[in-house]
Amino acid sequence: MTESTLERAMVRADAGEARPSEIIDILIDENSVVAVPMLGKGAEAYPLSLTGPRGSFVPVFSSVERMAQFPPAAGVATAASVPTRGMISTLADGVGLLVNPGSAAGFELPADAVARLRARLAG
């Protein structure tokens, strides 16, 4: 599997060669792949969201291959590439992001961090 710019930055961060803020900046500036549940024709499509003890999250992926490895999305959703910046600005309050969930190249961005990013992007 080819590593994305985001994944390469995450490897550098794990080695102490990149700051977490650099990873967030790359995430914002790239497109993310989201899992969109397969619905009937004409139905409005929304990204798959997951709710658990730590709250609600939208899983986002650095590639279609990463999404295919995530069991909740495999076989029940289609992939859509979306500008991460735009998606963050439209997420509901209280929703976080799971970046590459289930992968060593993954991390959680809690809802409060997403809210701060949304405010930063709004300028």
Protein backbone atom coordinates (compact mmCIF):
# COMPACT_ATOMS: atom_id res chain seq x y z
CA MET A 1 0.00 0.00 0.00
CA THR A 2 1.35 3.42 -0.95
CA GLU A 3 1.72 5.78 1.99
CA SER A 4 0.06 9.17 1.71
CA THR A 5 1.65 12.47 2.69
CA LEU A 6 -0.36 12.26 5.92
CA GLU A 7 0.89 8.77 6.72
CA ARG A 8 4.51 9.73 6.03
CA ALA A 9 4.13 12.71 8.40
CA MET A 10 2.65 10.42 11.07
CA VAL A 11 5.67 8.11 10.80
CA ARG A 12 7.97 11.14 11.16
CA ALA A 13 5.98 12.29 14.22
CA ASP A 14 6.31 8.85 15.83
CA ALA A 15 10.09 9.17 15.32
CA GLY A 16 10.07 12.65 16.89
CA GLU A 17 10.81 14.30 13.55
CA ALA A 18 7.47 16.12 13.09
CA ARG A 19 5.15 18.02 15.40
CA PRO A 20 1.50 17.00 15.87
CA SER A 21 0.46 20.40 14.51
CA GLU A 22 2.18 19.52 11.21
CA ILE A 23 0.04 16.39 10.96
CA ILE A 24 -3.14 18.38 11.58
CA ASP A 25 -2.13 20.95 8.94
CA ILE A 26 -1.55 18.18 6.39
CA LEU A 27 -4.87 16.55 7.30
CA ILE A 28 -6.71 19.84 6.77
CA ASP A 29 -5.04 20.55 3.43
CA GLU A 30 -5.64 17.10 1.89
CA ASN A 31 -8.74 15.24 0.85
CA SER A 32 -9.96 12.47 3.11
CA VAL A 33 -11.78 9.33 2.10
CA VAL A 34 -15.04 8.87 3.98
CA ALA A 35 -17.27 5.82 4.10
CA VAL A 36 -20.75 6.64 2.84
CA PRO A 37 -23.36 3.98 3.65
CA MET A 38 -25.02 2.56 0.56
CA LEU A 39 -28.59 3.84 0.54
CA GLY A 40 -31.44 3.68 -1.92
CA LYS A 41 -31.42 5.75 -5.08
CA GLY A 42 -32.15 9.42 -4.42
CA ALA A 43 -31.41 9.21 -0.68
CA GLU A 44 -29.20 11.90 0.83
CA ALA A 45 -25.74 10.59 1.57
CA TYR A 46 -23.91 11.30 4.82
CA PRO A 47 -20.59 9.90 6.03
CA LEU A 48 -20.68 6.86 8.27
CA SER A 49 -20.60 7.92 11.92
CA LEU A 50 -19.88 5.80 14.97
CA THR A 51 -20.99 6.38 18.54
CA GLY A 52 -19.32 4.83 21.54
CA PRO A 53 -18.38 5.57 25.15
CA ARG A 54 -16.09 8.45 24.09
CA GLY A 55 -18.70 10.10 21.87
CA SER A 56 -19.56 10.33 18.19
CA PHE A 57 -16.93 10.15 15.48
CA VAL A 58 -16.72 10.17 11.71
CA PRO A 59 -14.04 7.79 10.47
CA VAL A 60 -11.84 9.33 7.75
CA PHE A 61 -9.13 7.59 5.80
CA SER A 62 -6.00 8.56 3.90
CA SER A 63 -6.88 6.13 1.09
CA VAL A 64 -9.59 3.83 -0.22
CA GLU A 65 -7.34 0.89 0.72
CA ARG A 66 -7.28 2.03 4.37
CA MET A 67 -11.08 2.30 4.37
CA ALA A 68 -11.41 -1.23 2.96
CA GLN A 69 -9.45 -2.55 5.97
CA PHE A 70 -11.92 -1.02 8.46
CA PRO A 71 -14.58 -3.66 9.30
CA PRO A 72 -17.52 -1.26 9.98
CA ALA A 73 -17.10 0.20 6.47
CA ALA A 74 -16.12 -2.90 4.51
CA GLY A 75 -18.91 -4.02 2.20
CA VAL A 76 -21.55 -1.64 3.55
CA ALA A 77 -20.26 1.68 2.33
CA THR A 78 -18.84 3.30 -0.74
CA ALA A 79 -15.81 5.56 -0.65
CA ALA A 80 -16.04 9.29 -1.28
CA SER A 81 -13.06 11.63 -1.44
CA VAL A 82 -13.87 14.97 0.19
CA PRO A 83 -11.88 18.08 1.10
CA THR A 84 -11.10 17.60 4.79
CA ARG A 85 -11.22 21.36 5.40
CA GLY A 86 -14.80 21.53 4.11
CA MET A 87 -15.90 18.43 5.99
CA ILE A 88 -14.58 19.80 9.29
CA SER A 89 -16.52 23.01 8.76
CA THR A 90 -19.78 21.09 8.35
CA LEU A 91 -19.45 18.52 11.14
CA ALA A 92 -22.02 18.85 13.89
CA ASP A 93 -20.92 20.04 17.32
CA GLY A 94 -19.85 17.14 19.50
CA VAL A 95 -18.50 15.01 16.63
CA GLY A 96 -14.84 14.02 16.42
CA LEU A 97 -12.75 12.34 13.74
CA LEU A 98 -11.13 8.92 13.72
CA VAL A 99 -8.24 9.16 11.27
CA ASN A 100 -7.32 5.78 9.73
CA PRO A 101 -9.07 3.84 12.52
CA GLY A 102 -7.85 0.32 13.10
CA SER A 103 -4.47 1.13 11.57
CA ALA A 104 -1.07 1.84 13.07
CA ALA A 105 -1.29 4.97 10.90
CA GLY A 106 -4.28 6.25 12.85
CA PHE A 107 -5.33 8.64 15.58
CA GLU A 108 -8.39 10.14 17.23
CA LEU A 109 -9.28 13.81 17.02
CA PRO A 110 -11.86 14.40 19.78
CA ALA A 111 -14.87 16.65 19.27
CA ASP A 112 -13.34 19.53 21.25
CA ALA A 113 -10.25 19.48 19.00
CA VAL A 114 -12.49 19.45 15.91
CA ALA A 115 -14.38 22.46 17.33
CA ARG A 116 -11.09 24.35 17.77
CA LEU A 117 -10.08 23.48 14.20
CA ARG A 118 -13.46 24.63 12.91
CA ALA A 119 -13.01 27.98 14.71
CA ARG A 120 -9.48 28.31 13.34
CA LEU A 121 -10.65 27.61 9.79
CA ALA A 122 -13.50 30.12 10.13
CA GLY A 123 -10.81 32.72 10.82
